[in-house]
Amino acid sequence: WNLDVIDVFFVIQMRGRAGAIFGRTTKTTPKCDTDLFATAQAAAISPRRCKPRPKIAVAMSGGVDSSVAAHVLLNTKRASRAEEGTLVSEEVDVVGLHMSNWNALDEDREASRNPGPSSGTKTDLGYDDQSTSSSAFCQSSEKEYTDAKSVADHLSIPLHRVSFASEYWMSVFEPFVASMSQDSRSSPNPDFGCNTHIKFGAMRNYARDRLGADWIATGHYAQLWHRNLPTRDERESSSIFEHWMATQSEDLGCQVRESISDRAEEVWLLAETETEGIGHLPPMLLAGADRGKDQSYFLSGVKTESFRDVIFPLGSSYKSQQPASSSQPTVRDIAIEAGIPTASKRDSVGICFIGKRNFGGFMSQYMPEPPRPGNFVDVDTGKVVGRHDGSLYYTVGQGARISGVGTRYFVCDKGSGDDSNTVFVCDGTHHPALFSDELAVDFSSFNWIGLGRSGRELNHVPRPLREGKTIDAWARTRHLQPLVRCTVRWDRDGEKLRMKFHRAIRAITPGQIACLYAGKEGLICLGGGPIESRGKSYFECGMDLALPSIHPSGHNDLSLSS
């Protein structure tokens, strides 16, 4: 016997015993048409021929996007099997993972604490009161699992169901409630924390440790450039999946370099794209090809390390409409053609733990103290124009909906200190009190993605900032808000990251996320962090607004040009 064969045979035996002793799922040895010793001998002679197939865990919510993500991975494998007969010795194992993050039964224990606001209250984070019962939420949650199960059955893949309710409560919901209760002016975004701590935290760890997954895939409309993958030529004799991943990496690398090659203000970023002769490089987060569905904003809080084994199969796809130059089918087209049961399902919106329920009524159950009623105050006249049920139910920029008043008021600010329950309103959506061109983020809270080399101090921070210089970048402060140019500097005295926008921005809100981008059309997502404060409004500065100087507040703001 050859020593290599003995070594492989011993490792196979020990792995099996370790799994039995510790009760943990371990990667099983491949099933070949030979006995154990022959398997070990074949592995020693040709490791590729019988090594375990890579396993991909796909997060399946029951919606069309995650369903098509699973289908794409399976379809890539099957198409390649027919086209690449020499590479069929290694495929991929795809498993579904359906998670629930909220235990609706806990609501019944809290429901009697506070009555909540009057009906009709609406915020940017929630919905009008359509259903207030926890039982209705339970039914909706169960329907999501049933949909995911029907898709998994259709695709002939196993589906694992797991609850991360306790992790969500401690890592996302409690900080969310604490932020709102401690600072009435703050409007935090729980979706930011959910991606950071649950989807790419607890769920990723579960998939790796419990399911033995090598990769985790989701239906997000974003892209990841994995820069450590060998080239297609180097993978030519490897597996179908590895070859596919290498192709994706090369294509994205070309896009990134082209997007910054002609931008003098981003020359510092060219060094970050170098891959030749460099070892461990972090993946870069890129915007999805479908900019109308791009979800990089919500992913900007995820740590770079958590992206190292993540795949976004829909990153280069379009949801429903695509440019005339593209001949690829849309995600909806793929779902319909593949007969996926959720092909016509509508997109889900809103906060996952609230669903289609009244935001204020729901949140009042969990606040340390019942929200106190207060006044709506006209910022121009200083006069009280109405009453509200609690300032926490309102977000800067939203309509105030004051009963009995003919003026269309918008929330432009909230009081602080002894005046913390006052909600200031202004007449009109383009009032100067709604606009500012500066904000600050606590430097330690900003999450930089995909930058730096190991072994360098502050290597995750852009080099110009480390050298005391500024950088020019793209930014947005709301999901799908058109990108706007800004100048970024690191205020080391106050440990703040300060952004000065080139145009006036509407409704900059503490607690929301400021996300930075680089490259042509903002292809590269540099990271994001919660807004700590905004600069003075144009109203406070005594400045008037000219419509050409105003930046659109959202992708559907047709009143302004971008």
Protein backbone atom coordinates (compact mmCIF):
# COMPACT_ATOMS: atom_id res chain seq x y z
CA TRP A 1 0.00 0.00 0.00
CA ASN A 2 1.06 3.46 -0.84
CA LEU A 3 1.46 5.80 2.20
CA ASP A 4 -0.88 8.40 0.67
CA VAL A 5 -3.62 5.79 0.39
CA ILE A 6 -3.19 4.75 4.03
CA ASP A 7 -3.41 8.39 5.14
CA VAL A 8 -6.62 8.98 3.21
CA PHE A 9 -8.14 5.75 4.51
CA PHE A 10 -7.34 6.76 8.11
CA VAL A 11 -8.85 10.24 7.69
CA ILE A 12 -12.08 8.80 6.29
CA GLN A 13 -12.39 6.43 9.26
CA MET A 14 -11.68 9.16 11.83
CA ARG A 15 -14.15 11.60 10.28
CA GLY A 16 -16.89 9.02 10.54
CA ARG A 17 -16.05 8.27 14.18
CA ALA A 18 -15.87 11.96 15.10
CA GLY A 19 -19.33 12.52 13.68
CA ALA A 20 -20.71 9.62 15.72
CA ILE A 21 -19.00 10.73 18.95
CA PHE A 22 -19.98 14.39 18.86
CA GLY A 23 -23.34 13.99 17.14
CA ARG A 24 -22.50 16.63 14.56
CA THR A 25 -23.19 16.66 10.88
CA THR A 26 -19.97 16.15 8.98
CA LYS A 27 -19.34 16.09 5.27
CA THR A 28 -19.77 12.48 4.24
CA THR A 29 -17.40 10.70 1.97
CA PRO A 30 -18.54 10.45 -1.63
CA LYS A 31 -20.50 7.44 -2.78
CA CYS A 32 -18.59 5.61 -5.49
CA ASP A 33 -19.25 2.20 -7.02
CA THR A 34 -16.32 0.75 -5.07
CA ASP A 35 -15.54 -0.27 -1.52
CA LEU A 36 -14.06 2.04 1.10
CA PHE A 37 -10.45 1.19 0.35
CA ALA A 38 -10.96 1.64 -3.38
CA THR A 39 -12.54 5.00 -2.66
CA ALA A 40 -9.51 6.05 -0.61
CA GLN A 41 -7.14 4.85 -3.30
CA ALA A 42 -9.05 6.74 -6.02
CA ALA A 43 -9.05 9.90 -3.89
CA ALA A 44 -5.29 9.65 -3.40
CA ILE A 45 -4.71 9.23 -7.11
CA SER A 46 -7.27 11.83 -8.31
CA PRO A 47 -8.65 14.04 -5.50
CA ARG A 48 -11.13 15.77 -7.81
CA ARG A 49 -12.79 12.56 -8.90
CA CYS A 50 -14.43 11.61 -5.60
CA LYS A 51 -14.21 14.63 -3.28
CA PRO A 52 -17.46 15.75 -1.62
CA ARG A 53 -19.69 17.92 -3.73
CA PRO A 54 -19.98 21.55 -2.60
CA LYS A 55 -23.20 22.16 -0.71
CA ILE A 56 -25.16 25.40 -1.16
CA ALA A 57 -27.83 26.42 1.35
CA VAL A 58 -30.39 28.75 -0.24
CA ALA A 59 -32.43 31.04 2.03
CA MET A 60 -36.01 30.45 0.86
CA SER A 61 -38.64 32.89 2.11
CA GLY A 62 -41.47 31.60 -0.06
CA GLY A 63 -41.19 34.54 -2.46
CA VAL A 64 -40.36 34.46 -6.15
CA ASP A 65 -36.81 35.82 -5.80
CA SER A 66 -35.43 33.20 -3.43
CA SER A 67 -37.30 30.50 -5.37
CA VAL A 68 -35.67 31.52 -8.64
CA ALA A 69 -32.28 31.79 -6.92
CA ALA A 70 -32.52 28.10 -6.01
CA HIS A 71 -33.74 27.23 -9.51
CA VAL A 72 -30.84 29.13 -11.14
CA LEU A 73 -28.27 27.19 -9.14
CA LEU A 74 -29.88 23.89 -10.03
CA ASN A 75 -30.38 24.87 -13.65
CA THR A 76 -26.75 25.95 -14.03
CA LYS A 77 -25.69 22.54 -12.82
CA ARG A 78 -28.02 20.58 -15.07
CA ALA A 79 -27.30 22.65 -18.18
CA SER A 80 -23.59 22.24 -17.61
CA ARG A 81 -23.96 18.50 -17.17
CA ALA A 82 -25.33 18.25 -20.67
CA GLU A 83 -22.71 20.56 -22.16
CA GLU A 84 -19.60 19.53 -20.23
CA GLY A 85 -19.57 15.75 -20.16
CA THR A 86 -16.07 15.61 -18.71
CA LEU A 87 -17.03 17.64 -15.65
CA VAL A 88 -20.03 15.68 -14.37
CA SER A 89 -17.97 13.98 -11.65
CA GLU A 90 -18.70 16.90 -9.31
CA GLU A 91 -21.96 18.82 -9.07
CA VAL A 92 -23.50 20.81 -6.23
CA ASP A 93 -25.94 19.85 -3.51
CA VAL A 94 -28.62 22.50 -3.07
CA VAL A 95 -30.71 22.61 0.12
CA GLY A 96 -33.37 25.12 1.14
CA LEU A 97 -33.40 26.95 4.47
CA HIS A 98 -36.55 28.71 5.65
CA MET A 99 -36.15 30.91 8.72
CA SER A 100 -38.66 32.66 10.97
CA ASN A 101 -37.53 35.57 13.10
CA TRP A 102 -40.60 36.41 15.15
CA ASN A 103 -42.70 34.53 17.69
CA ALA A 104 -46.15 36.09 17.37
CA LEU A 105 -47.34 34.30 20.50
CA ASP A 106 -45.19 36.67 22.57
CA GLU A 107 -47.38 39.55 21.41
CA ASP A 108 -50.37 38.32 23.38
CA ARG A 109 -48.40 38.80 26.61
CA GLU A 110 -47.69 42.43 25.73
CA ALA A 111 -50.87 43.48 23.95
CA SER A 112 -52.64 44.91 27.01
CA ARG A 113 -49.77 47.14 28.15
CA ASN A 114 -50.47 50.14 25.91
CA PRO A 115 -53.48 50.96 23.74
CA GLY A 116 -51.42 52.39 20.88
CA PRO A 117 -52.28 55.34 18.64
CA SER A 118 -55.56 56.13 16.98
CA SER A 119 -56.27 54.32 13.73
CA GLY A 120 -54.92 55.75 10.50
CA THR A 121 -51.43 56.53 11.79
CA LYS A 122 -48.81 55.71 9.22
CA THR A 123 -45.01 55.93 9.13
CA ASP A 124 -42.34 55.30 6.56
CA LEU A 125 -41.65 52.02 8.34
CA GLY A 126 -45.16 50.63 8.57
CA TYR A 127 -48.65 50.41 7.09
CA ASP A 128 -52.17 51.53 7.78
CA ASP A 129 -54.03 49.25 10.15
CA GLN A 130 -55.14 46.28 8.05
CA SER A 131 -54.71 43.53 10.60
CA THR A 132 -53.85 43.94 14.27
CA SER A 133 -54.11 40.37 15.51
CA SER A 134 -51.16 38.10 16.20
CA SER A 135 -53.20 35.17 14.90
CA ALA A 136 -53.41 36.83 11.48
CA PHE A 137 -49.64 37.28 11.52
CA CYS A 138 -49.19 33.60 12.44
CA GLN A 139 -51.34 32.58 9.49
CA SER A 140 -49.30 34.79 7.17
CA SER A 141 -46.03 33.37 8.54
CA GLU A 142 -47.25 29.81 8.07
CA LYS A 143 -48.29 30.65 4.51
CA GLU A 144 -44.73 31.77 3.77
CA TYR A 145 -43.39 28.42 4.93
CA THR A 146 -46.03 26.54 2.93
CA ASP A 147 -45.02 28.47 -0.20
CA ALA A 148 -41.33 27.76 0.40
CA LYS A 149 -42.10 24.05 0.91
CA SER A 150 -44.10 23.86 -2.31
CA VAL A 151 -41.19 25.41 -4.23
CA ALA A 152 -38.66 23.06 -2.62
CA ASP A 153 -40.83 20.08 -3.53
CA HIS A 154 -41.15 21.37 -7.08
CA LEU A 155 -37.35 21.66 -7.32
CA SER A 156 -36.83 18.31 -5.58
CA ILE A 157 -34.58 19.72 -2.87
CA PRO A 158 -34.87 19.33 0.92
CA LEU A 159 -36.12 22.28 2.97
CA HIS A 160 -34.95 22.92 6.53
CA ARG A 161 -37.05 25.10 8.82
CA VAL A 162 -35.44 26.99 11.70
CA SER A 163 -36.40 29.80 14.08
CA PHE A 164 -34.05 32.63 14.97
CA ALA A 165 -36.64 34.43 17.09
CA SER A 166 -34.42 34.69 20.16
CA GLU A 167 -31.43 35.94 18.14
CA TYR A 168 -33.65 38.46 16.38
CA TRP A 169 -35.11 39.67 19.66
CA MET A 170 -31.72 40.27 21.28
CA SER A 171 -29.70 41.51 18.31
CA VAL A 172 -32.28 43.44 16.28
CA PHE A 173 -35.57 44.14 18.04
CA GLU A 174 -34.35 45.19 21.49
CA PRO A 175 -31.77 47.65 20.06
CA PHE A 176 -34.49 48.95 17.72
CA VAL A 177 -36.87 49.63 20.62
CA ALA A 178 -34.09 51.10 22.79
CA SER A 179 -33.06 53.52 20.05
CA MET A 180 -36.61 54.75 19.55
CA SER A 181 -37.31 55.12 23.27
CA GLN A 182 -34.04 56.90 24.11
CA ASP A 183 -34.10 59.37 21.22
CA SER A 184 -37.45 60.55 19.89
CA ARG A 185 -35.71 62.01 16.81
CA SER A 186 -34.25 58.66 15.79
CA SER A 187 -35.95 56.40 13.23
CA PRO A 188 -33.75 53.28 13.06
CA ASN A 189 -34.12 50.73 10.28
CA PRO A 190 -34.46 47.12 11.54
CA ASP A 191 -33.87 45.65 8.06
CA PHE A 192 -30.27 46.85 8.35
CA GLY A 193 -29.81 44.89 11.58
CA CYS A 194 -31.68 41.85 10.27
CA ASN A 195 -29.26 41.39 7.38
CA THR A 196 -26.23 42.04 9.58
CA HIS A 197 -27.09 39.86 12.57
CA ILE A 198 -29.59 37.29 11.30
CA LYS A 199 -29.41 36.49 7.57
CA PHE A 200 -25.63 36.81 7.34
CA GLY A 201 -25.01 36.08 10.99
CA ALA A 202 -27.16 33.46 12.74
CA MET A 203 -28.54 31.95 9.52
CA ARG A 204 -25.14 31.80 7.85
CA ASN A 205 -23.62 30.13 10.90
CA TYR A 206 -26.46 27.61 11.07
CA ALA A 207 -26.06 26.75 7.39
CA ARG A 208 -22.33 26.23 7.77
CA ASP A 209 -22.24 24.49 11.15
CA ARG A 210 -25.46 22.47 11.17
CA LEU A 211 -26.09 21.82 7.49
CA GLY A 212 -22.45 21.59 6.40
CA ALA A 213 -22.93 24.22 3.70
CA ASP A 214 -19.90 25.49 1.80
CA TRP A 215 -21.82 28.43 0.34
CA ILE A 216 -24.92 30.41 1.30
CA ALA A 217 -27.17 31.86 -1.40
CA THR A 218 -30.00 34.38 -1.16
CA GLY A 219 -32.34 36.09 -3.61
CA HIS A 220 -30.91 39.58 -3.05
CA TYR A 221 -30.49 41.89 -6.02
CA ALA A 222 -26.81 42.64 -5.41
CA GLN A 223 -23.46 41.24 -6.57
CA LEU A 224 -20.30 40.04 -4.85
CA TRP A 225 -16.92 40.08 -6.50
CA HIS A 226 -14.98 37.18 -4.95
CA ARG A 227 -11.43 38.20 -5.78
CA ASN A 228 -9.56 35.16 -4.48
CA LEU A 229 -11.01 32.70 -6.99
CA PRO A 230 -8.62 31.22 -9.59
CA THR A 231 -9.22 32.17 -13.21
CA ARG A 232 -11.28 30.13 -15.63
CA ASP A 233 -8.12 28.68 -17.19
CA GLU A 234 -6.86 27.56 -13.80
CA ARG A 235 -10.25 25.97 -13.12
CA GLU A 236 -10.50 24.30 -16.50
CA SER A 237 -10.03 20.82 -15.03
CA SER A 238 -12.18 21.49 -11.99
CA SER A 239 -15.86 21.28 -11.18
CA ILE A 240 -18.78 22.87 -12.99
CA PHE A 241 -19.61 25.05 -10.00
CA GLU A 242 -16.03 26.26 -9.53
CA HIS A 243 -15.81 27.07 -13.24
CA TRP A 244 -19.08 29.01 -13.06
CA MET A 245 -17.91 30.97 -10.00
CA ALA A 246 -14.59 31.82 -11.67
CA THR A 247 -16.44 33.11 -14.73
CA GLN A 248 -18.62 35.32 -12.55
CA SER A 249 -15.54 36.66 -10.74
CA GLU A 250 -13.69 37.57 -13.93
CA ASP A 251 -16.72 39.33 -15.42
CA LEU A 252 -17.34 41.38 -12.27
CA GLY A 253 -13.66 42.26 -12.00
CA CYS A 254 -13.75 43.71 -15.51
CA GLN A 255 -16.86 45.74 -14.65
CA VAL A 256 -15.26 47.16 -11.50
CA ARG A 257 -12.03 48.22 -13.21
CA GLU A 258 -13.89 49.79 -16.11
CA SER A 259 -16.13 51.72 -13.73
CA ILE A 260 -13.20 53.49 -12.03
CA SER A 261 -10.52 53.62 -14.73
CA ASP A 262 -11.57 57.04 -16.03
CA ARG A 263 -12.38 58.67 -12.69
CA ALA A 264 -9.41 60.68 -11.39
CA GLU A 265 -11.07 61.26 -8.01
CA GLU A 266 -11.23 57.49 -7.42
CA VAL A 267 -7.70 56.56 -8.49
CA TRP A 268 -7.03 55.38 -4.91
CA LEU A 269 -9.58 52.63 -5.48
CA LEU A 270 -7.64 51.13 -8.39
CA ALA A 271 -5.09 49.73 -5.94
CA GLU A 272 -7.92 47.91 -4.16
CA THR A 273 -8.82 46.03 -7.36
CA GLU A 274 -5.35 44.54 -7.84
CA THR A 275 -5.40 40.77 -7.51
CA GLU A 276 -2.13 39.70 -9.07
CA GLY A 277 0.37 38.28 -6.59
CA ILE A 278 -1.76 39.14 -3.57
CA GLY A 279 -3.06 36.57 -1.11
CA HIS A 280 -6.20 36.94 0.96
CA LEU A 281 -8.51 39.60 -0.52
CA PRO A 282 -11.96 40.47 0.82
CA PRO A 283 -14.98 40.29 -1.50
CA MET A 284 -16.43 43.53 -2.82
CA LEU A 285 -20.15 44.31 -2.62
CA LEU A 286 -21.56 45.65 -5.88
CA ALA A 287 -24.94 47.05 -6.81
CA GLY A 288 -27.37 44.73 -8.58
CA ALA A 289 -27.72 45.05 -12.34
CA ASP A 290 -31.40 45.92 -11.86
CA ARG A 291 -30.96 49.33 -10.23
CA GLY A 292 -34.70 49.55 -9.61
CA LYS A 293 -34.41 46.52 -7.32
CA ASP A 294 -30.85 46.97 -6.04
CA GLN A 295 -30.59 45.91 -2.37
CA SER A 296 -26.98 46.82 -1.66
CA TYR A 297 -28.24 49.63 0.63
CA PHE A 298 -29.73 47.11 3.06
CA LEU A 299 -26.60 44.94 2.84
CA SER A 300 -24.16 47.75 3.62
CA GLY A 301 -24.02 46.84 7.31
CA VAL A 302 -22.90 43.24 6.75
CA LYS A 303 -19.29 42.60 7.76
CA THR A 304 -16.94 41.78 4.92
CA GLU A 305 -16.01 38.45 6.51
CA SER A 306 -19.63 37.34 6.38
CA PHE A 307 -19.67 37.70 2.59
CA ARG A 308 -16.76 35.33 1.93
CA ASP A 309 -19.01 32.32 1.29
CA VAL A 310 -22.13 34.09 -0.01
CA ILE A 311 -23.62 33.96 -3.51
CA PHE A 312 -26.28 36.22 -5.05
CA PRO A 313 -27.51 34.24 -8.09
CA LEU A 314 -29.87 37.06 -9.16
CA GLY A 315 -27.27 39.83 -9.02
CA SER A 316 -27.00 40.16 -12.79
CA SER A 317 -30.72 39.60 -13.42
CA TYR A 318 -33.69 41.93 -13.81
CA LYS A 319 -36.92 41.36 -11.91
CA SER A 320 -39.62 42.28 -14.42
CA GLN A 321 -38.19 44.67 -17.00
CA GLN A 322 -34.76 44.81 -18.54
CA PRO A 323 -32.86 46.95 -21.08
CA ALA A 324 -33.49 46.34 -24.75
CA SER A 325 -29.82 45.38 -25.10
CA SER A 326 -30.29 42.31 -22.90
CA SER A 327 -31.67 39.05 -24.25
CA GLN A 328 -31.74 37.24 -20.92
CA PRO A 329 -35.14 36.37 -19.42
CA THR A 330 -36.31 38.28 -16.35
CA VAL A 331 -36.72 36.64 -12.96
CA ARG A 332 -40.48 36.58 -13.46
CA ASP A 333 -40.02 34.97 -16.89
CA ILE A 334 -37.75 32.30 -15.43
CA ALA A 335 -40.24 31.54 -12.66
CA ILE A 336 -43.14 31.20 -15.08
CA GLU A 337 -41.19 29.08 -17.58
CA ALA A 338 -39.94 26.79 -14.80
CA GLY A 339 -43.44 26.37 -13.38
CA ILE A 340 -42.40 27.64 -9.95
CA PRO A 341 -45.52 27.74 -7.72
CA THR A 342 -44.78 31.30 -6.49
CA ALA A 343 -44.16 32.73 -9.98
CA SER A 344 -47.00 35.26 -9.73
CA LYS A 345 -46.62 36.07 -6.03
CA ARG A 346 -46.41 39.76 -5.17
CA ASP A 347 -43.30 41.23 -3.58
CA SER A 348 -43.29 41.50 0.21
CA VAL A 349 -42.74 44.94 1.72
CA GLY A 350 -42.45 46.40 5.20
CA ILE A 351 -40.82 45.22 8.40
CA CYS A 352 -40.85 41.44 8.73
CA PHE A 353 -42.05 41.32 12.36
CA ILE A 354 -44.93 43.75 11.73
CA GLY A 355 -46.29 42.69 8.38
CA LYS A 356 -49.47 44.49 7.35
CA ARG A 357 -50.23 45.89 10.77
CA ASN A 358 -50.40 49.32 12.33
CA PHE A 359 -46.84 50.33 13.18
CA GLY A 360 -47.70 52.59 16.10
CA GLY A 361 -50.14 50.18 17.70
CA PHE A 362 -47.65 47.36 17.44
CA MET A 363 -44.66 49.28 18.77
CA SER A 364 -46.58 50.76 21.72
CA GLN A 365 -46.78 47.25 23.22
CA TYR A 366 -43.01 47.14 23.66
CA MET A 367 -42.02 50.66 24.66
CA PRO A 368 -40.75 51.02 28.27
CA GLU A 369 -43.32 53.77 28.83
CA PRO A 370 -46.54 54.52 26.94
CA PRO A 371 -45.99 57.19 24.28
CA ARG A 372 -47.26 60.61 25.39
CA PRO A 373 -49.60 62.73 23.23
CA GLY A 374 -48.14 66.00 22.01
CA ASN A 375 -48.54 68.92 19.63
CA PHE A 376 -48.00 69.45 15.96
CA VAL A 377 -46.30 72.84 15.61
CA ASP A 378 -46.08 74.81 12.35
CA VAL A 379 -42.35 75.56 11.90
CA ASP A 380 -43.12 78.85 10.09
CA THR A 381 -45.62 80.35 12.54
CA GLY A 382 -44.75 78.51 15.76
CA LYS A 383 -48.45 77.86 16.29
CA VAL A 384 -50.00 74.56 17.40
CA VAL A 385 -51.96 73.13 14.45
CA GLY A 386 -53.02 69.77 15.89
CA ARG A 387 -52.43 66.92 18.34
CA HIS A 388 -50.74 63.55 17.94
CA ASP A 389 -50.56 60.30 19.95
CA GLY A 390 -46.77 60.18 20.29
CA SER A 391 -43.77 61.50 18.37
CA LEU A 392 -42.28 58.02 17.90
CA TYR A 393 -45.04 57.26 15.39
CA TYR A 394 -43.69 59.85 12.97
CA THR A 395 -40.65 59.98 10.71
CA VAL A 396 -39.12 63.09 9.17
CA GLY A 397 -40.40 63.55 5.63
CA GLN A 398 -43.75 61.78 5.94
CA GLY A 399 -47.16 63.38 5.67
CA ALA A 400 -48.52 64.52 9.06
CA ARG A 401 -52.21 63.81 8.36
CA ILE A 402 -53.62 66.33 10.79
CA SER A 403 -57.39 66.05 11.01
CA GLY A 404 -59.46 69.15 10.40
CA VAL A 405 -56.64 71.06 8.70
CA GLY A 406 -56.75 71.94 5.02
CA THR A 407 -52.99 72.49 4.70
CA ARG A 408 -50.93 69.52 3.54
CA TYR A 409 -48.33 69.32 6.30
CA PHE A 410 -45.14 67.22 6.37
CA VAL A 411 -43.03 66.25 9.38
CA CYS A 412 -39.78 68.23 9.24
CA ASP A 413 -38.32 67.72 12.72
CA LYS A 414 -38.97 66.50 16.24
CA GLY A 415 -38.19 68.24 19.49
CA SER A 416 -35.54 67.24 22.01
CA GLY A 417 -35.13 67.45 25.79
CA ASP A 418 -38.21 68.85 27.53
CA ASP A 419 -39.70 69.48 24.10
CA SER A 420 -39.11 65.91 22.89
CA ASN A 421 -42.78 65.17 22.23
CA THR A 422 -43.31 68.08 19.85
CA VAL A 423 -43.53 67.26 16.15
CA PHE A 424 -42.66 70.18 13.88
CA VAL A 425 -44.44 70.31 10.55
CA CYS A 426 -44.09 72.43 7.41
CA ASP A 427 -46.34 73.37 4.53
CA GLY A 428 -45.31 71.48 1.40
CA THR A 429 -43.01 68.62 0.45
CA HIS A 430 -40.25 70.96 -0.83
CA HIS A 431 -40.14 73.26 2.19
CA PRO A 432 -36.58 74.41 3.15
CA ALA A 433 -37.07 72.90 6.64
CA LEU A 434 -37.00 69.43 5.04
CA PHE A 435 -33.64 69.90 3.31
CA SER A 436 -30.04 69.78 4.44
CA ASP A 437 -26.72 69.05 2.74
CA GLU A 438 -24.65 67.62 5.59
CA LEU A 439 -24.72 64.64 7.95
CA ALA A 440 -22.48 62.83 10.39
CA VAL A 441 -22.02 59.15 11.20
CA ASP A 442 -20.13 57.86 14.23
CA PHE A 443 -16.90 56.64 12.66
CA SER A 444 -16.80 53.39 14.63
CA SER A 445 -20.36 52.59 13.50
CA PHE A 446 -19.64 52.89 9.78
CA ASN A 447 -19.10 49.48 8.18
CA TRP A 448 -16.49 49.55 5.38
CA ILE A 449 -16.79 46.66 2.92
CA GLY A 450 -14.19 45.00 0.70
CA LEU A 451 -11.24 47.31 1.37
CA GLY A 452 -7.72 46.76 2.67
CA ARG A 453 -5.06 44.11 3.02
CA SER A 454 -4.39 42.02 6.08
CA GLY A 455 -1.71 43.24 8.46
CA ARG A 456 -2.20 46.96 7.85
CA GLU A 457 -3.45 49.35 10.50
CA LEU A 458 -6.95 50.66 9.72
CA ASN A 459 -6.68 48.79 6.43
CA HIS A 460 -10.45 48.71 6.05
CA VAL A 461 -10.59 52.53 5.76
CA PRO A 462 -10.03 54.22 2.36
CA ARG A 463 -6.41 55.31 2.06
CA PRO A 464 -7.11 59.03 1.46
CA LEU A 465 -9.06 59.22 4.72
CA ARG A 466 -6.22 57.57 6.61
CA GLU A 467 -3.91 60.23 5.21
CA GLY A 468 -6.16 63.07 6.37
CA LYS A 469 -7.58 63.78 2.91
CA THR A 470 -11.15 63.67 1.61
CA ILE A 471 -12.76 61.34 -0.90
CA ASP A 472 -15.49 62.05 -3.44
CA ALA A 473 -18.17 59.39 -3.53
CA TRP A 474 -21.77 58.65 -4.31
CA ALA A 475 -24.26 58.36 -1.44
CA ARG A 476 -27.87 57.70 -0.55
CA THR A 477 -29.74 58.05 2.72
CA ARG A 478 -32.83 56.04 1.71
CA HIS A 479 -33.39 52.78 -0.13
CA LEU A 480 -33.43 53.38 -3.90
CA GLN A 481 -32.95 57.12 -3.47
CA PRO A 482 -31.07 58.30 -6.58
CA LEU A 483 -27.35 58.52 -5.82
CA VAL A 484 -25.90 61.96 -5.12
CA ARG A 485 -22.28 63.10 -5.12
CA CYS A 486 -20.71 64.01 -1.79
CA THR A 487 -17.36 64.83 -0.21
CA VAL A 488 -16.40 62.59 2.73
CA ARG A 489 -13.91 63.43 5.45
CA TRP A 490 -12.83 61.78 8.68
CA ASP A 491 -13.16 64.18 11.61
CA ARG A 492 -10.65 62.59 13.97
CA ASP A 493 -11.30 65.09 16.76
CA GLY A 494 -14.93 64.05 17.08
CA GLU A 495 -14.43 60.57 15.57
CA LYS A 496 -17.12 61.32 13.00
CA LEU A 497 -17.44 60.51 9.32
CA ARG A 498 -18.83 63.71 7.79
CA MET A 499 -20.55 63.90 4.40
CA LYS A 500 -21.12 67.14 2.51
CA PHE A 501 -23.56 66.69 -0.36
CA HIS A 502 -23.35 68.55 -3.65
CA ARG A 503 -27.14 69.01 -3.68
CA ALA A 504 -29.77 69.53 -1.00
CA ILE A 505 -31.10 66.22 0.39
CA ARG A 506 -34.65 65.80 1.64
CA ALA A 507 -35.48 64.30 5.05
CA ILE A 508 -32.06 63.26 6.34
CA THR A 509 -33.09 61.31 9.44
CA PRO A 510 -31.01 60.13 12.42
CA GLY A 511 -31.14 56.34 12.71
CA GLN A 512 -31.53 55.79 8.97
CA ILE A 513 -28.55 54.52 6.97
CA ALA A 514 -26.07 56.61 5.01
CA CYS A 515 -24.51 54.39 2.35
CA LEU A 516 -21.47 55.25 0.23
CA TYR A 517 -20.72 54.10 -3.32
CA ALA A 518 -17.86 54.49 -5.80
CA GLY A 519 -17.28 53.87 -9.48
CA LYS A 520 -19.33 54.78 -12.51
CA GLU A 521 -23.02 55.03 -11.56
CA GLY A 522 -22.13 53.88 -8.05
CA LEU A 523 -21.35 50.27 -8.92
CA ILE A 524 -19.16 49.62 -5.83
CA CYS A 525 -20.80 49.74 -2.41
CA LEU A 526 -18.17 50.97 0.06
CA GLY A 527 -20.35 50.42 3.13
CA GLY A 528 -22.85 52.16 5.36
CA GLY A 529 -23.71 53.24 8.87
CA PRO A 530 -26.54 54.82 10.92
CA ILE A 531 -26.88 58.58 10.66
CA GLU A 532 -26.08 60.22 13.99
CA SER A 533 -27.06 63.78 13.10
CA ARG A 534 -27.79 66.04 10.15
CA GLY A 535 -26.56 69.55 9.50
CA LYS A 536 -28.78 72.57 9.86
CA SER A 537 -31.73 72.69 7.50
CA TYR A 538 -31.93 75.33 4.79
CA PHE A 539 -34.76 76.88 6.83
CA GLU A 540 -32.55 77.15 9.92
CA CYS A 541 -29.82 78.73 7.80
CA GLY A 542 -32.29 81.22 6.28
CA MET A 543 -31.66 79.83 2.80
CA ASP A 544 -34.19 79.47 0.03
CA LEU A 545 -34.37 76.44 -2.22
CA ALA A 546 -34.12 76.53 -5.97
CA LEU A 547 -35.65 73.40 -7.49
CA PRO A 548 -32.60 72.65 -9.70
CA SER A 549 -30.48 72.40 -6.53
CA ILE A 550 -32.74 69.81 -4.87
CA HIS A 551 -31.96 66.13 -5.09
CA PRO A 552 -34.89 63.74 -5.73
CA SER A 553 -36.07 62.07 -2.54
CA GLY A 554 -36.72 58.72 -4.20
CA HIS A 555 -36.69 56.86 -7.49
CA ASN A 556 -40.34 57.79 -8.00
CA ASP A 557 -39.94 61.51 -7.24
CA LEU A 558 -41.03 62.81 -10.63
CA SER A 559 -41.27 66.42 -9.45
CA LEU A 560 -37.52 66.87 -9.77
CA SER A 561 -34.87 65.90 -12.27
CA SER A 562 -31.97 63.79 -11.04
